[in-house]
Amino acid sequence: MVGDYNLPNLTLPEQSEVTLGRWSQMRRTYLKEHHKILYYNLLTKGILTQHLAEVQERATDLEESLVKQMAAKAGLTEQMKAEDMMKWVGLMNNFRNSAQEIVKEQVIFN
């Protein structure tokens, strides 16, 4: 009772502690800015952190597998790494950036 009004005493359900990584923070920001209803539904049901943890895991796995596939397709080897480190690092950075863009499109912003 607050003054003349009965206000409900709402509390959020307990959520497990999850360390949010880069991908889950991106997803949370995207949901907050572009899908507010979904964000608040997940939050009030108490499954937002679970959803973000799943997104983090899916995004990390997809990124790692894409980088490995791209490197294998380009023929990057440990021998190439030993012979020409700068070229190897440049190619790996390109592959990682490409993989991150794919992850954003397929996992974060869908």
PDB file of N, CA and C in Angstrom:
ATOM      1  N   MET A   1       0.848  -1.170   0.000  1.00  0.00           N
ATOM      2  CA  MET A   1       0.000   0.000   0.000  1.00  0.00           C
ATOM      3  C   MET A   1       0.900   1.242   0.000  1.00  0.00           C
ATOM      4  N   VAL A   2       0.757   2.045  -1.015  1.00  0.00           N
ATOM      5  CA  VAL A   2       1.494   3.297  -1.099  1.00  0.00           C
ATOM      6  C   VAL A   2       0.452   4.403  -1.207  1.00  0.00           C
ATOM      7  N   GLY A   3       0.282   5.135  -0.143  1.00  0.00           N
ATOM      8  CA  GLY A   3      -0.768   6.151  -0.130  1.00  0.00           C
ATOM      9  C   GLY A   3      -2.117   5.472  -0.255  1.00  0.00           C
ATOM     10  N   ASP A   4      -2.879   5.839  -1.270  1.00  0.00           N
ATOM     11  CA  ASP A   4      -4.191   5.247  -1.508  1.00  0.00           C
ATOM     12  C   ASP A   4      -4.151   4.118  -2.529  1.00  0.00           C
ATOM     13  N   TYR A   5      -2.964   3.729  -2.965  1.00  0.00           N
ATOM     14  CA  TYR A   5      -2.841   2.751  -4.049  1.00  0.00           C
ATOM     15  C   TYR A   5      -2.203   1.456  -3.559  1.00  0.00           C
ATOM     16  N   ASN A   6      -2.706   0.360  -4.087  1.00  0.00           N
ATOM     17  CA  ASN A   6      -2.073  -0.934  -3.870  1.00  0.00           C
ATOM     18  C   ASN A   6      -1.157  -1.198  -5.057  1.00  0.00           C
ATOM     19  N   LEU A   7       0.132  -1.210  -4.823  1.00  0.00           N
ATOM     20  CA  LEU A   7       1.099  -1.477  -5.884  1.00  0.00           C
ATOM     21  C   LEU A   7       1.612  -2.899  -5.746  1.00  0.00           C
ATOM     22  N   PRO A   8       1.734  -3.615  -6.864  1.00  0.00           N
ATOM     23  CA  PRO A   8       2.232  -4.995  -6.775  1.00  0.00           C
ATOM     24  C   PRO A   8       3.713  -5.007  -6.401  1.00  0.00           C
ATOM     25  N   ASN A   9       4.096  -6.018  -5.668  1.00  0.00           N
ATOM     26  CA  ASN A   9       5.497  -6.194  -5.279  1.00  0.00           C
ATOM     27  C   ASN A   9       6.115  -7.189  -6.259  1.00  0.00           C
ATOM     28  N   LEU A  10       6.620  -6.687  -7.370  1.00  0.00           N
ATOM     29  CA  LEU A  10       7.171  -7.545  -8.420  1.00  0.00           C
ATOM     30  C   LEU A  10       8.660  -7.749  -8.221  1.00  0.00           C
ATOM     31  N   THR A  11       9.075  -8.979  -8.376  1.00  0.00           N
ATOM     32  CA  THR A  11      10.506  -9.288  -8.351  1.00  0.00           C
ATOM     33  C   THR A  11      10.813 -10.195  -9.525  1.00  0.00           C
ATOM     34  N   LEU A  12      12.010 -10.049 -10.057  1.00  0.00           N
ATOM     35  CA  LEU A  12      12.430 -10.897 -11.165  1.00  0.00           C
ATOM     36  C   LEU A  12      12.860 -12.255 -10.635  1.00  0.00           C
ATOM     37  N   PRO A  13      12.623 -13.303 -11.400  1.00  0.00           N
ATOM     38  CA  PRO A  13      13.098 -14.624 -10.975  1.00  0.00           C
ATOM     39  C   PRO A  13      14.621 -14.648 -10.912  1.00  0.00           C
ATOM     40  N   GLU A  14      15.138 -15.529 -10.087  1.00  0.00           N
ATOM     41  CA  GLU A  14      16.583 -15.673  -9.964  1.00  0.00           C
ATOM     42  C   GLU A  14      17.170 -16.170 -11.276  1.00  0.00           C
ATOM     43  N   GLN A  15      18.265 -15.557 -11.686  1.00  0.00           N
ATOM     44  CA  GLN A  15      18.955 -15.974 -12.898  1.00  0.00           C
ATOM     45  C   GLN A  15      20.363 -16.385 -12.513  1.00  0.00           C
ATOM     46  N   SER A  16      20.852 -17.383 -13.214  1.00  0.00           N
ATOM     47  CA  SER A  16      22.193 -17.860 -12.907  1.00  0.00           C
ATOM     48  C   SER A  16      23.229 -16.829 -13.334  1.00  0.00           C
ATOM     49  N   GLU A  17      24.357 -16.815 -12.631  1.00  0.00           N
ATOM     50  CA  GLU A  17      25.449 -15.907 -12.968  1.00  0.00           C
ATOM     51  C   GLU A  17      26.166 -16.419 -14.199  1.00  0.00           C
ATOM     52  N   VAL A  18      26.231 -15.594 -15.216  1.00  0.00           N
ATOM     53  CA  VAL A  18      26.904 -15.953 -16.453  1.00  0.00           C
ATOM     54  C   VAL A  18      27.823 -14.800 -16.823  1.00  0.00           C
ATOM     55  N   THR A  19      29.052 -15.122 -17.159  1.00  0.00           N
ATOM     56  CA  THR A  19      29.967 -14.103 -17.637  1.00  0.00           C
ATOM     57  C   THR A  19      29.640 -13.843 -19.101  1.00  0.00           C
ATOM     58  N   LEU A  20      29.252 -12.622 -19.393  1.00  0.00           N
ATOM     59  CA  LEU A  20      28.860 -12.284 -20.743  1.00  0.00           C
ATOM     60  C   LEU A  20      30.090 -11.925 -21.564  1.00  0.00           C
ATOM     61  N   GLY A  21      30.224 -12.585 -22.693  1.00  0.00           N
ATOM     62  CA  GLY A  21      31.330 -12.303 -23.586  1.00  0.00           C
ATOM     63  C   GLY A  21      30.941 -11.261 -24.615  1.00  0.00           C
ATOM     64  N   ARG A  22      31.791 -11.104 -25.584  1.00  0.00           N
ATOM     65  CA  ARG A  22      31.599 -10.109 -26.624  1.00  0.00           C
ATOM     66  C   ARG A  22      30.289 -10.325 -27.383  1.00  0.00           C
ATOM     67  N   TRP A  23      30.043 -11.571 -27.776  1.00  0.00           N
ATOM     68  CA  TRP A  23      28.866 -11.863 -28.592  1.00  0.00           C
ATOM     69  C   TRP A  23      27.575 -11.682 -27.811  1.00  0.00           C
ATOM     70  N   SER A  24      27.560 -12.107 -26.570  1.00  0.00           N
ATOM     71  CA  SER A  24      26.330 -11.989 -25.778  1.00  0.00           C
ATOM     72  C   SER A  24      26.038 -10.522 -25.456  1.00  0.00           C
ATOM     73  N   GLN A  25      27.054  -9.718 -25.260  1.00  0.00           N
ATOM     74  CA  GLN A  25      26.833  -8.294 -25.025  1.00  0.00           C
ATOM     75  C   GLN A  25      26.288  -7.617 -26.277  1.00  0.00           C
ATOM     76  N   MET A  26      26.801  -8.019 -27.446  1.00  0.00           N
ATOM     77  CA  MET A  26      26.270  -7.487 -28.703  1.00  0.00           C
ATOM     78  C   MET A  26      24.795  -7.852 -28.856  1.00  0.00           C
ATOM     79  N   ARG A  27      24.461  -9.104 -28.556  1.00  0.00           N
ATOM     80  CA  ARG A  27      23.092  -9.579 -28.691  1.00  0.00           C
ATOM     81  C   ARG A  27      22.168  -8.826 -27.743  1.00  0.00           C
ATOM     82  N   ARG A  28      22.610  -8.630 -26.498  1.00  0.00           N
ATOM     83  CA  ARG A  28      21.787  -7.914 -25.518  1.00  0.00           C
ATOM     84  C   ARG A  28      21.535  -6.482 -25.982  1.00  0.00           C
ATOM     85  N   THR A  29      22.562  -5.809 -26.471  1.00  0.00           N
ATOM     86  CA  THR A  29      22.414  -4.448 -26.972  1.00  0.00           C
ATOM     87  C   THR A  29      21.470  -4.409 -28.168  1.00  0.00           C
ATOM     88  N   TYR A  30      21.625  -5.377 -29.068  1.00  0.00           N
ATOM     89  CA  TYR A  30      20.747  -5.440 -30.245  1.00  0.00           C
ATOM     90  C   TYR A  30      19.293  -5.633 -29.831  1.00  0.00           C
ATOM     91  N   LEU A  31      19.055  -6.541 -28.900  1.00  0.00           N
ATOM     92  CA  LEU A  31      17.688  -6.768 -28.434  1.00  0.00           C
ATOM     93  C   LEU A  31      17.113  -5.530 -27.761  1.00  0.00           C
ATOM     94  N   LYS A  32      17.899  -4.861 -26.931  1.00  0.00           N
ATOM     95  CA  LYS A  32      17.444  -3.663 -26.233  1.00  0.00           C
ATOM     96  C   LYS A  32      17.058  -2.558 -27.206  1.00  0.00           C
ATOM     97  N   GLU A  33      17.841  -2.407 -28.277  1.00  0.00           N
ATOM     98  CA  GLU A  33      17.621  -1.297 -29.200  1.00  0.00           C
ATOM     99  C   GLU A  33      16.606  -1.600 -30.298  1.00  0.00           C
ATOM    100  N   HIS A  34      16.525  -2.857 -30.741  1.00  0.00           N
ATOM    101  CA  HIS A  34      15.709  -3.173 -31.910  1.00  0.00           C
ATOM    102  C   HIS A  34      14.537  -4.119 -31.646  1.00  0.00           C
ATOM    103  N   HIS A  35      14.596  -4.886 -30.583  1.00  0.00           N
ATOM    104  CA  HIS A  35      13.523  -5.834 -30.258  1.00  0.00           C
ATOM    105  C   HIS A  35      13.207  -5.742 -28.766  1.00  0.00           C
ATOM    106  N   LYS A  36      12.681  -4.599 -28.386  1.00  0.00           N
ATOM    107  CA  LYS A  36      12.454  -4.335 -26.959  1.00  0.00           C
ATOM    108  C   LYS A  36      11.463  -5.314 -26.331  1.00  0.00           C
ATOM    109  N   ILE A  37      10.432  -5.691 -27.065  1.00  0.00           N
ATOM    110  CA  ILE A  37       9.422  -6.611 -26.511  1.00  0.00           C
ATOM    111  C   ILE A  37      10.059  -7.964 -26.214  1.00  0.00           C
ATOM    112  N   LEU A  38      10.830  -8.505 -27.158  1.00  0.00           N
ATOM    113  CA  LEU A  38      11.509  -9.780 -26.932  1.00  0.00           C
ATOM    114  C   LEU A  38      12.484  -9.670 -25.763  1.00  0.00           C
ATOM    115  N   TYR A  39      13.229  -8.572 -25.701  1.00  0.00           N
ATOM    116  CA  TYR A  39      14.180  -8.367 -24.606  1.00  0.00           C
ATOM    117  C   TYR A  39      13.473  -8.397 -23.254  1.00  0.00           C
ATOM    118  N   TYR A  40      12.399  -7.644 -23.133  1.00  0.00           N
ATOM    119  CA  TYR A  40      11.700  -7.585 -21.839  1.00  0.00           C
ATOM    120  C   TYR A  40      10.959  -8.884 -21.529  1.00  0.00           C
ATOM    121  N   ASN A  41      10.491  -9.580 -22.544  1.00  0.00           N
ATOM    122  CA  ASN A  41       9.884 -10.896 -22.300  1.00  0.00           C
ATOM    123  C   ASN A  41      10.910 -11.872 -21.748  1.00  0.00           C
ATOM    124  N   LEU A  42      12.089 -11.910 -22.366  1.00  0.00           N
ATOM    125  CA  LEU A  42      13.151 -12.796 -21.865  1.00  0.00           C
ATOM    126  C   LEU A  42      13.576 -12.390 -20.458  1.00  0.00           C
ATOM    127  N   LEU A  43      13.669 -11.093 -20.220  1.00  0.00           N
ATOM    128  CA  LEU A  43      14.093 -10.595 -18.914  1.00  0.00           C
ATOM    129  C   LEU A  43      13.090 -10.951 -17.826  1.00  0.00           C
ATOM    130  N   THR A  44      11.803 -10.728 -18.088  1.00  0.00           N
ATOM    131  CA  THR A  44      10.798 -10.986 -17.052  1.00  0.00           C
ATOM    132  C   THR A  44      10.546 -12.474 -16.830  1.00  0.00           C
ATOM    133  N   LYS A  45      10.789 -13.292 -17.839  1.00  0.00           N
ATOM    134  CA  LYS A  45      10.660 -14.743 -17.656  1.00  0.00           C
ATOM    135  C   LYS A  45      11.870 -15.329 -16.940  1.00  0.00           C
ATOM    136  N   GLY A  46      12.941 -14.537 -16.852  1.00  0.00           N
ATOM    137  CA  GLY A  46      14.139 -15.005 -16.168  1.00  0.00           C
ATOM    138  C   GLY A  46      15.040 -15.868 -17.032  1.00  0.00           C
ATOM    139  N   ILE A  47      14.874 -15.778 -18.339  1.00  0.00           N
ATOM    140  CA  ILE A  47      15.692 -16.618 -19.222  1.00  0.00           C
ATOM    141  C   ILE A  47      16.622 -15.792 -20.122  1.00  0.00           C
ATOM    142  N   LEU A  48      16.765 -14.515 -19.815  1.00  0.00           N
ATOM    143  CA  LEU A  48      17.637 -13.670 -20.635  1.00  0.00           C
ATOM    144  C   LEU A  48      19.090 -14.133 -20.561  1.00  0.00           C
ATOM    145  N   THR A  49      19.593 -14.397 -19.364  1.00  0.00           N
ATOM    146  CA  THR A  49      20.994 -14.816 -19.258  1.00  0.00           C
ATOM    147  C   THR A  49      21.216 -16.171 -19.913  1.00  0.00           C
ATOM    148  N   GLN A  50      20.238 -17.059 -19.822  1.00  0.00           N
ATOM    149  CA  GLN A  50      20.354 -18.354 -20.494  1.00  0.00           C
ATOM    150  C   GLN A  50      20.413 -18.152 -22.010  1.00  0.00           C
ATOM    151  N   HIS A  51      19.555 -17.288 -22.525  1.00  0.00           N
ATOM    152  CA  HIS A  51      19.546 -16.984 -23.957  1.00  0.00           C
ATOM    153  C   HIS A  51      20.885 -16.391 -24.388  1.00  0.00           C
ATOM    154  N   LEU A  52      21.399 -15.455 -23.609  1.00  0.00           N
ATOM    155  CA  LEU A  52      22.668 -14.818 -23.953  1.00  0.00           C
ATOM    156  C   LEU A  52      23.831 -15.808 -23.889  1.00  0.00           C
ATOM    157  N   ALA A  53      23.789 -16.726 -22.936  1.00  0.00           N
ATOM    158  CA  ALA A  53      24.834 -17.747 -22.844  1.00  0.00           C
ATOM    159  C   ALA A  53      24.796 -18.665 -24.062  1.00  0.00           C
ATOM    160  N   GLU A  54      23.596 -19.030 -24.506  1.00  0.00           N
ATOM    161  CA  GLU A  54      23.468 -19.872 -25.700  1.00  0.00           C
ATOM    162  C   GLU A  54      23.972 -19.148 -26.940  1.00  0.00           C
ATOM    163  N   VAL A  55      23.646 -17.865 -27.055  1.00  0.00           N
ATOM    164  CA  VAL A  55      24.121 -17.063 -28.190  1.00  0.00           C
ATOM    165  C   VAL A  55      25.642 -16.977 -28.166  1.00  0.00           C
ATOM    166  N   GLN A  56      26.213 -16.763 -26.997  1.00  0.00           N
ATOM    167  CA  GLN A  56      27.671 -16.683 -26.863  1.00  0.00           C
ATOM    168  C   GLN A  56      28.322 -17.983 -27.333  1.00  0.00           C
ATOM    169  N   GLU A  57      27.780 -19.098 -26.893  1.00  0.00           N
ATOM    170  CA  GLU A  57      28.349 -20.402 -27.257  1.00  0.00           C
ATOM    171  C   GLU A  57      28.221 -20.665 -28.758  1.00  0.00           C
ATOM    172  N   ARG A  58      27.021 -20.424 -29.308  1.00  0.00           N
ATOM    173  CA  ARG A  58      26.813 -20.632 -30.746  1.00  0.00           C
ATOM    174  C   ARG A  58      27.722 -19.750 -31.584  1.00  0.00           C
ATOM    175  N   ALA A  59      27.823 -18.483 -31.208  1.00  0.00           N
ATOM    176  CA  ALA A  59      28.638 -17.536 -31.972  1.00  0.00           C
ATOM    177  C   ALA A  59      30.114 -17.899 -31.906  1.00  0.00           C
ATOM    178  N   THR A  60      30.601 -18.263 -30.743  1.00  0.00           N
ATOM    179  CA  THR A  60      32.009 -18.639 -30.591  1.00  0.00           C
ATOM    180  C   THR A  60      32.326 -19.884 -31.401  1.00  0.00           C
ATOM    181  N   ASP A  61      31.469 -20.890 -31.313  1.00  0.00           N
ATOM    182  CA  ASP A  61      31.687 -22.123 -32.076  1.00  0.00           C
ATOM    183  C   ASP A  61      31.674 -21.858 -33.576  1.00  0.00           C
ATOM    184  N   LEU A  62      30.718 -21.062 -34.034  1.00  0.00           N
ATOM    185  CA  LEU A  62      30.622 -20.754 -35.454  1.00  0.00           C
ATOM    186  C   LEU A  62      31.848 -19.984 -35.932  1.00  0.00           C
ATOM    187  N   GLU A  63      32.283 -19.014 -35.143  1.00  0.00           N
ATOM    188  CA  GLU A  63      33.467 -18.232 -35.526  1.00  0.00           C
ATOM    189  C   GLU A  63      34.702 -19.127 -35.643  1.00  0.00           C
ATOM    190  N   GLU A  64      34.914 -19.982 -34.662  1.00  0.00           N
ATOM    191  CA  GLU A  64      36.083 -20.871 -34.687  1.00  0.00           C
ATOM    192  C   GLU A  64      36.038 -21.818 -35.878  1.00  0.00           C
ATOM    193  N   SER A  65      34.880 -22.390 -36.141  1.00  0.00           N
ATOM    194  CA  SER A  65      34.796 -23.337 -37.254  1.00  0.00           C
ATOM    195  C   SER A  65      34.967 -22.633 -38.597  1.00  0.00           C
ATOM    196  N   LEU A  66      34.426 -21.427 -38.740  1.00  0.00           N
ATOM    197  CA  LEU A  66      34.595 -20.693 -39.993  1.00  0.00           C
ATOM    198  C   LEU A  66      36.050 -20.325 -40.244  1.00  0.00           C
ATOM    199  N   VAL A  67      36.743 -19.884 -39.206  1.00  0.00           N
ATOM    200  CA  VAL A  67      38.159 -19.522 -39.365  1.00  0.00           C
ATOM    201  C   VAL A  67      38.969 -20.755 -39.752  1.00  0.00           C
ATOM    202  N   LYS A  68      38.700 -21.892 -39.114  1.00  0.00           N
ATOM    203  CA  LYS A  68      39.416 -23.128 -39.458  1.00  0.00           C
ATOM    204  C   LYS A  68      39.144 -23.542 -40.898  1.00  0.00           C
ATOM    205  N   GLN A  69      37.885 -23.448 -41.321  1.00  0.00           N
ATOM    206  CA  GLN A  69      37.534 -23.821 -42.692  1.00  0.00           C
ATOM    207  C   GLN A  69      38.196 -22.896 -43.701  1.00  0.00           C
ATOM    208  N   MET A  70      38.182 -21.604 -43.431  1.00  0.00           N
ATOM    209  CA  MET A  70      38.796 -20.642 -44.351  1.00  0.00           C
ATOM    210  C   MET A  70      40.301 -20.853 -44.444  1.00  0.00           C
ATOM    211  N   ALA A  71      40.935 -21.116 -43.303  1.00  0.00           N
ATOM    212  CA  ALA A  71      42.377 -21.344 -43.291  1.00  0.00           C
ATOM    213  C   ALA A  71      42.731 -22.622 -44.039  1.00  0.00           C
ATOM    214  N   ALA A  72      41.938 -23.669 -43.850  1.00  0.00           N
ATOM    215  CA  ALA A  72      42.195 -24.928 -44.544  1.00  0.00           C
ATOM    216  C   ALA A  72      42.001 -24.768 -46.053  1.00  0.00           C
ATOM    217  N   LYS A  73      40.975 -24.029 -46.432  1.00  0.00           N
ATOM    218  CA  LYS A  73      40.702 -23.827 -47.850  1.00  0.00           C
ATOM    219  C   LYS A  73      41.810 -23.009 -48.519  1.00  0.00           C
ATOM    220  N   ALA A  74      42.382 -22.061 -47.781  1.00  0.00           N
ATOM    221  CA  ALA A  74      43.464 -21.231 -48.320  1.00  0.00           C
ATOM    222  C   ALA A  74      44.816 -21.931 -48.245  1.00  0.00           C
ATOM    223  N   GLY A  75      44.872 -23.039 -47.536  1.00  0.00           N
ATOM    224  CA  GLY A  75      46.120 -23.790 -47.436  1.00  0.00           C
ATOM    225  C   GLY A  75      47.109 -23.240 -46.429  1.00  0.00           C
ATOM    226  N   LEU A  76      46.613 -22.583 -45.401  1.00  0.00           N
ATOM    227  CA  LEU A  76      47.502 -22.071 -44.354  1.00  0.00           C
ATOM    228  C   LEU A  76      47.967 -23.232 -43.478  1.00  0.00           C
ATOM    229  N   THR A  77      49.259 -23.310 -43.308  1.00  0.00           N
ATOM    230  CA  THR A  77      49.847 -24.393 -42.513  1.00  0.00           C
ATOM    231  C   THR A  77      50.810 -23.813 -41.492  1.00  0.00           C
ATOM    232  N   GLU A  78      51.254 -24.668 -40.597  1.00  0.00           N
ATOM    233  CA  GLU A  78      52.263 -24.257 -39.627  1.00  0.00           C
ATOM    234  C   GLU A  78      53.592 -23.949 -40.322  1.00  0.00           C
ATOM    235  N   GLN A  79      53.845 -24.635 -41.413  1.00  0.00           N
ATOM    236  CA  GLN A  79      55.071 -24.372 -42.168  1.00  0.00           C
ATOM    237  C   GLN A  79      55.035 -22.960 -42.748  1.00  0.00           C
ATOM    238  N   MET A  80      53.906 -22.573 -43.292  1.00  0.00           N
ATOM    239  CA  MET A  80      53.763 -21.217 -43.823  1.00  0.00           C
ATOM    240  C   MET A  80      53.902 -20.189 -42.702  1.00  0.00           C
ATOM    241  N   LYS A  81      53.383 -20.531 -41.548  1.00  0.00           N
ATOM    242  CA  LYS A  81      53.498 -19.651 -40.390  1.00  0.00           C
ATOM    243  C   LYS A  81      54.961 -19.447 -40.016  1.00  0.00           C
ATOM    244  N   ALA A  82      55.742 -20.506 -40.091  1.00  0.00           N
ATOM    245  CA  ALA A  82      57.168 -20.418 -39.748  1.00  0.00           C
ATOM    246  C   ALA A  82      57.958 -19.657 -40.816  1.00  0.00           C
ATOM    247  N   GLU A  83      57.577 -19.817 -42.075  1.00  0.00           N
ATOM    248  CA  GLU A  83      58.323 -19.194 -43.169  1.00  0.00           C
ATOM    249  C   GLU A  83      58.003 -17.714 -43.343  1.00  0.00           C
ATOM    250  N   ASP A  84      56.746 -17.356 -43.326  1.00  0.00           N
ATOM    251  CA  ASP A  84      56.347 -15.974 -43.569  1.00  0.00           C
ATOM    252  C   ASP A  84      55.259 -15.579 -42.575  1.00  0.00           C
ATOM    253  N   MET A  85      55.703 -15.209 -41.386  1.00  0.00           N
ATOM    254  CA  MET A  85      54.787 -14.925 -40.275  1.00  0.00           C
ATOM    255  C   MET A  85      53.834 -13.773 -40.599  1.00  0.00           C
ATOM    256  N   MET A  86      54.326 -12.702 -41.203  1.00  0.00           N
ATOM    257  CA  MET A  86      53.479 -11.531 -41.463  1.00  0.00           C
ATOM    258  C   MET A  86      52.355 -11.858 -42.443  1.00  0.00           C
ATOM    259  N   LYS A  87      52.650 -12.619 -43.462  1.00  0.00           N
ATOM    260  CA  LYS A  87      51.624 -13.001 -44.426  1.00  0.00           C
ATOM    261  C   LYS A  87      50.577 -13.881 -43.751  1.00  0.00           C
ATOM    262  N   TRP A  88      51.041 -14.829 -42.944  1.00  0.00           N
ATOM    263  CA  TRP A  88      50.150 -15.734 -42.235  1.00  0.00           C
ATOM    264  C   TRP A  88      49.221 -14.954 -41.305  1.00  0.00           C
ATOM    265  N   VAL A  89      49.783 -14.019 -40.532  1.00  0.00           N
ATOM    266  CA  VAL A  89      48.991 -13.226 -39.597  1.00  0.00           C
ATOM    267  C   VAL A  89      47.978 -12.365 -40.350  1.00  0.00           C
ATOM    268  N   GLY A  90      48.400 -11.769 -41.453  1.00  0.00           N
ATOM    269  CA  GLY A  90      47.481 -10.960 -42.246  1.00  0.00           C
ATOM    270  C   GLY A  90      46.308 -11.764 -42.776  1.00  0.00           C
ATOM    271  N   LEU A  91      46.598 -12.954 -43.294  1.00  0.00           N
ATOM    272  CA  LEU A  91      45.536 -13.810 -43.813  1.00  0.00           C
ATOM    273  C   LEU A  91      44.598 -14.269 -42.688  1.00  0.00           C
ATOM    274  N   MET A  92      45.161 -14.640 -41.558  1.00  0.00           N
ATOM    275  CA  MET A  92      44.333 -15.088 -40.431  1.00  0.00           C
ATOM    276  C   MET A  92      43.442 -13.951 -39.925  1.00  0.00           C
ATOM    277  N   ASN A  93      43.986 -12.730 -39.877  1.00  0.00           N
ATOM    278  CA  ASN A  93      43.166 -11.586 -39.462  1.00  0.00           C
ATOM    279  C   ASN A  93      42.024 -11.352 -40.439  1.00  0.00           C
ATOM    280  N   ASN A  94      42.308 -11.486 -41.736  1.00  0.00           N
ATOM    281  CA  ASN A  94      41.250 -11.339 -42.735  1.00  0.00           C
ATOM    282  C   ASN A  94      40.172 -12.406 -42.549  1.00  0.00           C
ATOM    283  N   PHE A  95      40.589 -13.641 -42.335  1.00  0.00           N
ATOM    284  CA  PHE A  95      39.640 -14.733 -42.124  1.00  0.00           C
ATOM    285  C   PHE A  95      38.806 -14.501 -40.872  1.00  0.00           C
ATOM    286  N   ARG A  96      39.458 -14.051 -39.798  1.00  0.00           N
ATOM    287  CA  ARG A  96      38.750 -13.817 -38.541  1.00  0.00           C
ATOM    288  C   ARG A  96      37.719 -12.699 -38.706  1.00  0.00           C
ATOM    289  N   ASN A  97      38.111 -11.623 -39.394  1.00  0.00           N
ATOM    290  CA  ASN A  97      37.164 -10.520 -39.616  1.00  0.00           C
ATOM    291  C   ASN A  97      35.986 -10.969 -40.469  1.00  0.00           C
ATOM    292  N   SER A  98      36.253 -11.757 -41.492  1.00  0.00           N
ATOM    293  CA  SER A  98      35.169 -12.276 -42.340  1.00  0.00           C
ATOM    294  C   SER A  98      34.242 -13.173 -41.528  1.00  0.00           C
ATOM    295  N   ALA A  99      34.825 -14.031 -40.707  1.00  0.00           N
ATOM    296  CA  ALA A  99      34.025 -14.937 -39.877  1.00  0.00           C
ATOM    297  C   ALA A  99      33.172 -14.147 -38.885  1.00  0.00           C
ATOM    298  N   GLN A 100      33.724 -13.091 -38.315  1.00  0.00           N
ATOM    299  CA  GLN A 100      32.972 -12.281 -37.364  1.00  0.00           C
ATOM    300  C   GLN A 100      31.791 -11.586 -38.026  1.00  0.00           C
ATOM    301  N   GLU A 101      31.946 -11.143 -39.254  1.00  0.00           N
ATOM    302  CA  GLU A 101      30.827 -10.526 -39.973  1.00  0.00           C
ATOM    303  C   GLU A 101      29.727 -11.556 -40.241  1.00  0.00           C
ATOM    304  N   ILE A 102      30.121 -12.762 -40.582  1.00  0.00           N
ATOM    305  CA  ILE A 102      29.139 -13.836 -40.813  1.00  0.00           C
ATOM    306  C   ILE A 102      28.399 -14.158 -39.519  1.00  0.00           C
ATOM    307  N   VAL A 103      29.125 -14.232 -38.411  1.00  0.00           N
ATOM    308  CA  VAL A 103      28.504 -14.520 -37.111  1.00  0.00           C
ATOM    309  C   VAL A 103      27.514 -13.422 -36.741  1.00  0.00           C
ATOM    310  N   LYS A 104      27.886 -12.182 -36.959  1.00  0.00           N
ATOM    311  CA  LYS A 104      26.964 -11.074 -36.648  1.00  0.00           C
ATOM    312  C   LYS A 104      25.677 -11.229 -37.443  1.00  0.00           C
ATOM    313  N   GLU A 105      25.810 -11.554 -38.722  1.00  0.00           N
ATOM    314  CA  GLU A 105      24.638 -11.653 -39.576  1.00  0.00           C
ATOM    315  C   GLU A 105      23.765 -12.851 -39.213  1.00  0.00           C
ATOM    316  N   GLN A 106      24.372 -13.998 -38.932  1.00  0.00           N
ATOM    317  CA  GLN A 106      23.611 -15.228 -38.729  1.00  0.00           C
ATOM    318  C   GLN A 106      23.154 -15.451 -37.288  1.00  0.00           C
ATOM    319  N   VAL A 107      23.909 -14.974 -36.322  1.00  0.00           N
ATOM    320  CA  VAL A 107      23.578 -15.287 -34.927  1.00  0.00           C
ATOM    321  C   VAL A 107      23.103 -14.048 -34.159  1.00  0.00           C
ATOM    322  N   ILE A 108      23.814 -12.959 -34.269  1.00  0.00           N
ATOM    323  CA  ILE A 108      23.532 -11.801 -33.427  1.00  0.00           C
ATOM    324  C   ILE A 108      22.323 -11.005 -33.923  1.00  0.00           C
ATOM    325  N   PHE A 109      22.279 -10.701 -35.213  1.00  0.00           N
ATOM    326  CA  PHE A 109      21.264  -9.794 -35.737  1.00  0.00           C
ATOM    327  C   PHE A 109      20.113 -10.498 -36.433  1.00  0.00           C
ATOM    328  N   ASN A 110      19.740 -11.685 -35.990  1.00  0.00           N
ATOM    329  CA  ASN A 110      18.597 -12.343 -36.637  1.00  0.00           C
ATOM    330  C   ASN A 110      17.439 -12.451 -35.691  1.00  0.00           C
TER     331      ASN A 110
END
